Amino acid sequence: MNAAVRPFTVQVSDADIADVRQRLRDTRWPREEPANAGWDFGADMDQVRDLCAHWADGFDWRMVEHQINRFDNFHATVDGLDIHFIHEKGSGEHPLPLILTHGWPGSIVEFLDVIEPLAHPERFGGQAADGFDVIVPSLPGYGFSAAPPRPVDCRETARLWRHLMVDVLGYDRFMAQGGDWGSLVTSWLGLAHGDVCCGIHQNMFIMQPRDRSDPDTEEQAWLKRRQANMRLETAYQAIQSTKPQTLSYGLNDSPAGLAAWILEKFHRWGDTHGDVASRFSRDHLLANIALYWHTGTINSSTWMYTSIVESDNFQPPEGKRIEVPVGVAHFPGDTFAMPPRQWVERLANVIHWTDMPAGGHFAAMEEPAAFIDDVRAFARLLR
């Protein structure tokens, strides 16, 4: 590491913890219209109230701090921007550097259960030869990373990650993995930085081919499903891509509002079959939600959505495709369904594809063992 790297410890003040608990107890709850609507019109009232009651009187943020701080945390100045990351050096003689990128409304919390098994397989019945140096950054404007002076898109973030991995941490070759926004960041690492990124693994695929003039029957069916889903599931996206500042006043001031906004996405995007508790415990959900609260980053975290209307980072340059090896883990419960393989192969050199039996949008949280196994299996093709 170079001099730009500084050790970091997560430590929220007692006053901040007391403040959020009092705010939760003082919540001015809305009426539920119509009564007993459940999840039909957004976040279920009973479940939001239950989650917030646990946040106020049962949730232990200090345990979350402990879970994060048991790994080595750092800040580094990358192109003038202060970036937070976890760096767990792996076992074996030649651990492969691996950068894991989260999305919205996720965070580094998504990966806390997979970092140690990926870095140290031998501690969990595996082989040390499969070990990784695991790097988990917080996206710009998320968690403990500084907010950029203006929104940055996934293409720009991939460039930041290249500088982090090569210029700051000194790696000359690394692998990348991502879901949600992290999948698009990872696509750009493979597309634009293949001289140092030796392969990419994704559990979501956002990048789109420029030529979609002749989709086959399977692709047409998938496009039809996606369009129907977008009509029902992307109201959040419309406001976050156009008026995020207006949204932020409520979410940054009310922990109950923040909890409802994020909980609804975990309920809908995870492989929950309508029961969010079947996939995510209250403590797991609150670890992620409270990270947004204590860092005050719900506003800056939404800035990346402005790229939907302002950026050309969803399609590769004309005549380009991802030539580095690509691995895909298809988790079937994701509301934003994986495109058919032939669609992805128009864009990428797919050498590994796994159709998982279960799991959704937050793959590393929902199915950590399957996630770990698939990342290892793909990496063996690169080592």
Protein backbone atom coordinates (compact mmCIF):
# COMPACT_ATOMS: atom_id res chain seq x y z
CA MET A 1 0.00 0.00 0.00
CA ASN A 2 1.10 3.58 -0.54
CA ALA A 3 0.94 6.62 1.69
CA ALA A 4 -2.59 7.46 0.55
CA VAL A 5 -3.93 4.61 2.70
CA ARG A 6 -5.00 5.31 6.30
CA PRO A 7 -6.33 2.75 8.81
CA PHE A 8 -9.95 3.29 9.78
CA THR A 9 -12.16 2.07 12.61
CA VAL A 10 -15.96 2.26 12.55
CA GLN A 11 -17.19 3.96 15.72
CA VAL A 12 -20.51 5.78 16.00
CA SER A 13 -20.96 8.02 19.03
CA ASP A 14 -23.22 7.09 21.92
CA ALA A 15 -25.08 10.35 21.30
CA ASP A 16 -25.91 9.34 17.71
CA ILE A 17 -27.22 5.96 18.85
CA ALA A 18 -29.34 7.59 21.58
CA ASP A 19 -30.66 10.12 19.05
CA VAL A 20 -31.88 7.53 16.54
CA ARG A 21 -33.57 5.53 19.30
CA GLN A 22 -35.45 8.60 20.49
CA ARG A 23 -36.47 9.53 16.94
CA LEU A 24 -37.84 6.02 16.45
CA ARG A 25 -39.88 6.22 19.65
CA ASP A 26 -41.24 9.63 18.58
CA THR A 27 -42.21 8.54 15.06
CA ARG A 28 -45.37 10.19 13.74
CA TRP A 29 -46.90 7.19 11.97
CA PRO A 30 -49.03 7.69 8.86
CA ARG A 31 -52.47 6.26 8.37
CA GLU A 32 -52.60 3.09 6.36
CA GLU A 33 -54.83 3.55 3.33
CA PRO A 34 -56.60 1.26 2.72
CA ALA A 35 -56.49 -0.48 6.09
CA ASN A 36 -54.60 -3.80 6.22
CA ALA A 37 -53.16 -3.22 2.75
CA GLY A 38 -50.09 -5.29 3.49
CA TRP A 39 -47.47 -4.77 0.78
CA ASP A 40 -49.93 -3.84 -1.98
CA PHE A 41 -49.16 -0.12 -1.91
CA GLY A 42 -45.64 -0.13 -0.50
CA ALA A 43 -44.05 -1.08 2.78
CA ASP A 44 -46.33 -3.02 5.13
CA MET A 45 -47.24 -0.90 8.19
CA ASP A 46 -47.09 -3.71 10.73
CA GLN A 47 -43.69 -4.89 9.56
CA VAL A 48 -42.19 -1.40 9.45
CA ARG A 49 -43.46 -0.73 12.98
CA ASP A 50 -42.03 -4.04 14.19
CA LEU A 51 -38.65 -3.34 12.57
CA CYS A 52 -38.49 0.16 14.04
CA ALA A 53 -39.47 -1.07 17.52
CA HIS A 54 -36.59 -3.53 17.36
CA TRP A 55 -34.25 -0.80 16.14
CA ALA A 56 -35.22 1.38 19.10
CA ASP A 57 -35.04 -1.24 21.85
CA GLY A 58 -33.42 -4.47 20.64
CA PHE A 59 -30.90 -3.82 17.86
CA ASP A 60 -27.21 -3.70 18.80
CA TRP A 61 -25.28 -1.38 16.48
CA ARG A 62 -22.10 -2.07 18.43
CA MET A 63 -22.24 -5.67 17.23
CA VAL A 64 -22.31 -4.41 13.63
CA GLU A 65 -19.28 -2.27 14.33
CA HIS A 66 -17.53 -5.34 15.72
CA GLN A 67 -18.39 -7.37 12.62
CA ILE A 68 -16.95 -4.68 10.34
CA ASN A 69 -13.91 -3.88 12.49
CA ARG A 70 -12.78 -7.51 12.75
CA PHE A 71 -11.47 -6.94 9.24
CA ASP A 72 -8.83 -4.37 8.32
CA ASN A 73 -10.58 -1.15 7.23
CA PHE A 74 -8.92 1.73 5.44
CA HIS A 75 -9.51 5.06 3.76
CA ALA A 76 -7.57 5.96 0.64
CA THR A 77 -7.45 9.04 -1.53
CA VAL A 78 -8.32 7.89 -5.05
CA ASP A 79 -8.32 10.62 -7.70
CA GLY A 80 -8.95 13.14 -4.95
CA LEU A 81 -11.91 11.22 -3.51
CA ASP A 82 -11.82 9.61 -0.06
CA ILE A 83 -12.77 5.93 -0.47
CA HIS A 84 -13.41 3.47 2.34
CA PHE A 85 -12.63 -0.22 1.88
CA ILE A 86 -12.14 -3.47 3.73
CA HIS A 87 -8.95 -5.34 2.83
CA GLU A 88 -8.67 -8.93 4.05
CA LYS A 89 -5.46 -10.57 2.84
CA GLY A 90 -5.99 -14.18 1.88
CA SER A 91 -4.42 -17.54 2.58
CA GLY A 92 -2.25 -19.62 0.28
CA GLU A 93 0.89 -18.78 -1.65
CA HIS A 94 -0.85 -16.74 -4.35
CA PRO A 95 -4.23 -15.40 -3.22
CA LEU A 96 -6.06 -13.84 -6.15
CA PRO A 97 -7.06 -10.21 -5.52
CA LEU A 98 -10.85 -9.91 -5.65
CA ILE A 99 -12.84 -6.68 -5.47
CA LEU A 100 -16.51 -7.03 -4.44
CA THR A 101 -18.87 -4.16 -5.30
CA HIS A 102 -22.29 -3.64 -3.76
CA GLY A 103 -25.21 -1.58 -5.06
CA TRP A 104 -28.27 0.29 -3.78
CA PRO A 105 -29.87 -0.11 -1.25
CA GLY A 106 -27.09 -2.44 -0.19
CA SER A 107 -23.70 -1.74 1.34
CA ILE A 108 -20.57 -3.50 2.52
CA VAL A 109 -22.89 -5.28 4.99
CA GLU A 110 -23.96 -7.54 2.11
CA PHE A 111 -20.51 -9.15 2.09
CA LEU A 112 -19.68 -9.46 5.78
CA ASP A 113 -20.53 -13.17 5.89
CA VAL A 114 -18.51 -14.10 2.79
CA ILE A 115 -15.26 -12.17 3.27
CA GLU A 116 -13.55 -14.59 5.64
CA PRO A 117 -14.56 -17.79 3.75
CA LEU A 118 -13.37 -16.27 0.48
CA ALA A 119 -10.06 -15.12 1.99
CA HIS A 120 -9.42 -18.19 4.14
CA PRO A 121 -11.14 -21.29 2.69
CA GLU A 122 -9.12 -23.66 4.85
CA ARG A 123 -10.89 -22.35 7.96
CA PHE A 124 -14.17 -23.62 6.52
CA GLY A 125 -13.16 -27.01 5.17
CA GLY A 126 -11.77 -25.76 1.85
CA GLN A 127 -8.33 -25.44 0.28
CA ALA A 128 -6.01 -22.51 0.98
CA ALA A 129 -5.14 -22.49 -2.72
CA ASP A 130 -8.61 -21.03 -3.38
CA GLY A 131 -7.92 -18.00 -1.17
CA PHE A 132 -8.47 -14.40 -2.25
CA ASP A 133 -7.18 -11.06 -1.13
CA VAL A 134 -10.67 -9.61 -0.61
CA ILE A 135 -11.24 -5.90 -1.15
CA VAL A 136 -14.71 -4.50 -0.40
CA PRO A 137 -15.05 -0.76 -1.06
CA SER A 138 -17.98 1.46 -0.24
CA LEU A 139 -19.23 3.08 -3.42
CA PRO A 140 -18.64 6.85 -3.69
CA GLY A 141 -21.22 8.59 -1.53
CA TYR A 142 -22.14 5.37 0.29
CA GLY A 143 -21.31 4.34 3.83
CA PHE A 144 -17.89 5.54 4.91
CA SER A 145 -16.76 6.77 1.47
CA ALA A 146 -16.92 10.49 0.81
CA ALA A 147 -19.59 11.92 -1.42
CA PRO A 148 -18.15 13.07 -4.76
CA PRO A 149 -18.55 16.75 -5.70
CA ARG A 150 -20.93 15.62 -8.44
CA PRO A 151 -22.63 12.33 -9.23
CA VAL A 152 -20.38 9.66 -10.70
CA ASP A 153 -21.65 6.80 -12.83
CA CYS A 154 -20.58 3.16 -12.92
CA ARG A 155 -18.10 3.73 -15.74
CA GLU A 156 -16.30 6.38 -13.67
CA THR A 157 -16.45 4.18 -10.58
CA ALA A 158 -14.74 1.37 -12.49
CA ARG A 159 -11.92 3.79 -13.25
CA LEU A 160 -11.68 4.66 -9.54
CA TRP A 161 -11.54 0.95 -8.66
CA ARG A 162 -8.72 0.44 -11.17
CA HIS A 163 -6.72 3.19 -9.45
CA LEU A 164 -7.54 1.74 -6.04
CA MET A 165 -6.41 -1.75 -6.98
CA VAL A 166 -3.38 -0.88 -9.11
CA ASP A 167 -2.04 2.48 -7.98
CA VAL A 168 -3.02 2.39 -4.30
CA LEU A 169 -2.88 -1.30 -3.39
CA GLY A 170 -0.21 -2.29 -5.91
CA TYR A 171 -1.93 -5.21 -7.67
CA ASP A 172 -1.12 -5.78 -11.33
CA ARG A 173 -3.94 -8.31 -11.84
CA PHE A 174 -7.27 -8.80 -10.10
CA MET A 175 -10.74 -10.29 -10.41
CA ALA A 176 -14.00 -8.37 -9.86
CA GLN A 177 -17.49 -9.34 -8.69
CA GLY A 178 -20.68 -7.36 -8.34
CA GLY A 179 -24.46 -7.18 -8.19
CA ASP A 180 -26.92 -4.31 -8.68
CA TRP A 181 -24.87 -1.15 -9.46
CA GLY A 182 -21.85 -3.28 -8.61
CA SER A 183 -22.60 -5.47 -11.60
CA LEU A 184 -22.40 -2.51 -13.97
CA VAL A 185 -19.20 -1.27 -12.30
CA THR A 186 -17.84 -4.79 -12.75
CA SER A 187 -18.91 -4.89 -16.40
CA TRP A 188 -16.93 -1.70 -17.02
CA LEU A 189 -13.90 -3.12 -15.22
CA GLY A 190 -13.97 -6.02 -17.66
CA LEU A 191 -14.77 -3.87 -20.68
CA ALA A 192 -12.44 -0.91 -20.19
CA HIS A 193 -9.74 -2.27 -17.87
CA GLY A 194 -9.06 -5.76 -19.16
CA ASP A 195 -5.33 -5.11 -19.06
CA VAL A 196 -5.47 -5.45 -15.26
CA CYS A 197 -8.87 -7.04 -14.59
CA CYS A 198 -8.41 -10.70 -15.47
CA GLY A 199 -12.05 -11.77 -15.12
CA ILE A 200 -15.44 -10.70 -13.83
CA HIS A 201 -18.23 -12.52 -12.00
CA GLN A 202 -21.75 -11.08 -11.77
CA ASN A 203 -25.05 -12.01 -10.14
CA MET A 204 -26.94 -9.37 -12.13
CA PHE A 205 -26.41 -8.10 -15.66
CA ILE A 206 -27.41 -4.49 -16.40
CA MET A 207 -25.32 -3.66 -19.47
CA GLN A 208 -27.33 -3.83 -22.69
CA PRO A 209 -26.29 -4.53 -26.28
CA ARG A 210 -26.57 -1.65 -28.73
CA ASP A 211 -28.12 -3.90 -31.37
CA ARG A 212 -31.40 -5.38 -30.16
CA SER A 213 -33.08 -5.43 -33.55
CA ASP A 214 -33.54 -9.19 -33.77
CA PRO A 215 -34.20 -10.75 -30.33
CA ASP A 216 -35.07 -14.43 -30.41
CA THR A 217 -38.22 -15.89 -28.83
CA GLU A 218 -36.66 -16.35 -25.38
CA GLU A 219 -35.29 -12.82 -25.39
CA GLN A 220 -38.64 -11.40 -26.50
CA ALA A 221 -40.38 -13.17 -23.60
CA TRP A 222 -37.76 -11.87 -21.15
CA LEU A 223 -38.07 -8.31 -22.52
CA LYS A 224 -41.84 -8.46 -22.12
CA ARG A 225 -41.51 -9.62 -18.51
CA ARG A 226 -38.91 -6.95 -17.80
CA GLN A 227 -41.08 -4.17 -19.23
CA ALA A 228 -44.04 -5.29 -17.13
CA ASN A 229 -41.83 -5.42 -14.05
CA MET A 230 -40.35 -1.99 -14.71
CA ARG A 231 -43.83 -0.46 -14.73
CA LEU A 232 -44.52 -1.83 -11.25
CA GLU A 233 -41.12 -1.68 -9.56
CA THR A 234 -39.26 1.44 -10.65
CA ALA A 235 -41.14 4.37 -9.11
CA TYR A 236 -38.20 4.70 -6.68
CA GLN A 237 -35.86 4.85 -9.67
CA ALA A 238 -37.78 7.68 -11.30
CA ILE A 239 -37.50 9.94 -8.27
CA GLN A 240 -33.92 8.96 -7.39
CA SER A 241 -32.78 9.67 -10.94
CA THR A 242 -34.51 13.06 -11.19
CA LYS A 243 -35.32 14.56 -7.76
CA PRO A 244 -33.12 12.83 -5.17
CA GLN A 245 -32.63 16.01 -3.15
CA THR A 246 -36.36 16.35 -2.50
CA LEU A 247 -36.56 12.74 -1.34
CA SER A 248 -33.60 13.14 0.99
CA TYR A 249 -35.23 15.57 3.42
CA GLY A 250 -37.64 12.95 4.71
CA LEU A 251 -35.31 9.95 4.58
CA ASN A 252 -32.40 11.74 6.24
CA ASP A 253 -34.61 13.05 9.05
CA SER A 254 -36.82 10.05 9.84
CA PRO A 255 -35.28 6.66 10.62
CA ALA A 256 -38.75 5.10 10.22
CA GLY A 257 -39.01 6.62 6.76
CA LEU A 258 -35.56 5.35 5.85
CA ALA A 259 -36.38 1.88 7.18
CA ALA A 260 -39.60 1.71 5.17
CA TRP A 261 -37.89 2.89 1.96
CA ILE A 262 -35.17 0.24 2.17
CA LEU A 263 -37.21 -2.59 3.72
CA GLU A 264 -39.66 -2.53 0.82
CA LYS A 265 -36.80 -3.23 -1.60
CA PHE A 266 -35.48 -6.17 0.39
CA HIS A 267 -39.00 -7.60 0.58
CA ARG A 268 -39.60 -7.18 -3.13
CA TRP A 269 -36.16 -7.88 -4.61
CA GLY A 270 -35.06 -10.78 -2.44
CA ASP A 271 -36.21 -14.36 -2.90
CA THR A 272 -38.76 -13.86 -0.11
CA HIS A 273 -41.97 -15.23 -1.66
CA GLY A 274 -43.76 -12.41 0.12
CA ASP A 275 -42.20 -13.07 3.55
CA VAL A 276 -39.17 -10.84 4.10
CA ALA A 277 -38.37 -12.61 7.40
CA SER A 278 -37.83 -15.87 5.50
CA ARG A 279 -34.66 -14.39 3.99
CA PHE A 280 -33.51 -11.56 6.24
CA SER A 281 -33.49 -11.29 10.03
CA ARG A 282 -34.36 -7.95 11.59
CA ASP A 283 -30.76 -7.56 12.77
CA HIS A 284 -29.41 -8.22 9.28
CA LEU A 285 -31.80 -5.71 7.73
CA LEU A 286 -31.05 -3.09 10.36
CA ALA A 287 -27.29 -3.50 10.05
CA ASN A 288 -27.63 -2.25 6.48
CA ILE A 289 -30.30 0.39 7.19
CA ALA A 290 -28.47 1.77 10.23
CA LEU A 291 -25.28 2.09 8.19
CA TYR A 292 -27.11 4.49 5.88
CA TRP A 293 -28.52 6.34 8.88
CA HIS A 294 -25.34 6.76 10.91
CA THR A 295 -23.32 7.87 7.88
CA GLY A 296 -26.05 10.22 6.61
CA THR A 297 -25.57 8.95 3.06
CA ILE A 298 -29.07 8.18 1.79
CA ASN A 299 -28.99 11.32 -0.38
CA SER A 300 -25.52 10.89 -1.88
CA SER A 301 -26.13 7.15 -2.37
CA THR A 302 -28.97 7.94 -4.78
CA TRP A 303 -26.87 10.25 -6.95
CA MET A 304 -25.71 7.34 -9.10
CA TYR A 305 -29.28 7.06 -10.39
CA THR A 306 -28.88 10.34 -12.25
CA SER A 307 -26.78 8.33 -14.71
CA ILE A 308 -30.04 6.78 -15.95
CA VAL A 309 -30.94 10.09 -17.59
CA GLU A 310 -27.56 11.80 -17.86
CA SER A 311 -25.00 9.10 -18.74
CA ASP A 312 -24.18 6.65 -21.49
CA ASN A 313 -22.81 3.95 -19.22
CA PHE A 314 -25.42 1.25 -19.86
CA GLN A 315 -24.12 0.21 -23.28
CA PRO A 316 -20.60 -0.57 -24.51
CA PRO A 317 -18.98 1.63 -27.14
CA GLU A 318 -19.90 0.72 -30.69
CA GLY A 319 -18.23 -2.52 -31.76
CA LYS A 320 -16.94 -3.35 -28.26
CA ARG A 321 -17.72 -6.27 -25.95
CA ILE A 322 -16.28 -7.65 -22.72
CA GLU A 323 -13.44 -9.92 -23.83
CA VAL A 324 -12.07 -10.94 -20.43
CA PRO A 325 -13.57 -14.18 -19.04
CA VAL A 326 -17.03 -13.68 -17.54
CA GLY A 327 -18.86 -15.78 -14.96
CA VAL A 328 -22.57 -15.43 -14.27
CA ALA A 329 -24.50 -16.65 -11.23
CA HIS A 330 -28.22 -16.56 -11.97
CA PHE A 331 -30.23 -16.37 -8.75
CA PRO A 332 -33.86 -16.99 -9.79
CA GLY A 333 -35.64 -14.97 -7.11
CA ASP A 334 -34.30 -11.57 -8.20
CA THR A 335 -37.14 -9.26 -9.24
CA PHE A 336 -34.79 -7.90 -11.91
CA ALA A 337 -34.43 -11.18 -13.76
CA MET A 338 -31.17 -12.22 -15.40
CA PRO A 339 -31.29 -11.91 -19.21
CA PRO A 340 -31.11 -15.12 -21.26
CA ARG A 341 -27.58 -16.39 -21.71
CA GLN A 342 -27.51 -15.57 -25.43
CA TRP A 343 -28.33 -11.93 -24.58
CA VAL A 344 -25.36 -11.74 -22.21
CA GLU A 345 -23.12 -13.50 -24.74
CA ARG A 346 -23.72 -10.70 -27.24
CA LEU A 347 -21.91 -8.48 -24.77
CA ALA A 348 -19.46 -10.73 -23.00
CA ASN A 349 -17.10 -13.68 -23.18
CA VAL A 350 -19.14 -15.96 -20.92
CA ILE A 351 -17.14 -19.03 -19.86
CA HIS A 352 -19.08 -19.92 -16.70
CA TRP A 353 -22.84 -19.86 -16.02
CA THR A 354 -24.69 -21.24 -13.00
CA ASP A 355 -28.46 -21.40 -12.59
CA MET A 356 -28.93 -21.35 -8.84
CA PRO A 357 -31.80 -23.21 -7.15
CA ALA A 358 -32.72 -20.26 -4.90
CA GLY A 359 -31.73 -16.73 -3.94
CA GLY A 360 -32.48 -13.25 -5.14
CA HIS A 361 -31.07 -9.76 -5.62
CA PHE A 362 -28.89 -9.71 -2.49
CA ALA A 363 -27.09 -12.91 -3.38
CA ALA A 364 -24.20 -12.84 -0.88
CA MET A 365 -26.63 -12.18 1.99
CA GLU A 366 -29.32 -14.62 0.88
CA GLU A 367 -27.24 -17.60 -0.28
CA PRO A 368 -23.71 -17.05 1.03
CA ALA A 369 -22.55 -20.66 0.58
CA ALA A 370 -23.75 -20.85 -3.04
CA PHE A 371 -22.27 -17.42 -3.73
CA ILE A 372 -18.87 -18.42 -2.32
CA ASP A 373 -18.80 -21.73 -4.18
CA ASP A 374 -19.59 -20.09 -7.50
CA VAL A 375 -17.03 -17.31 -7.12
CA ARG A 376 -14.40 -19.94 -6.28
CA ALA A 377 -15.40 -22.17 -9.20
CA PHE A 378 -15.11 -19.30 -11.66
CA ALA A 379 -11.80 -18.13 -10.17
CA ARG A 380 -10.30 -21.59 -10.66
CA LEU A 381 -10.67 -21.03 -14.42
CA LEU A 382 -8.53 -17.88 -14.10
CA ARG A 383 -5.81 -18.95 -11.69
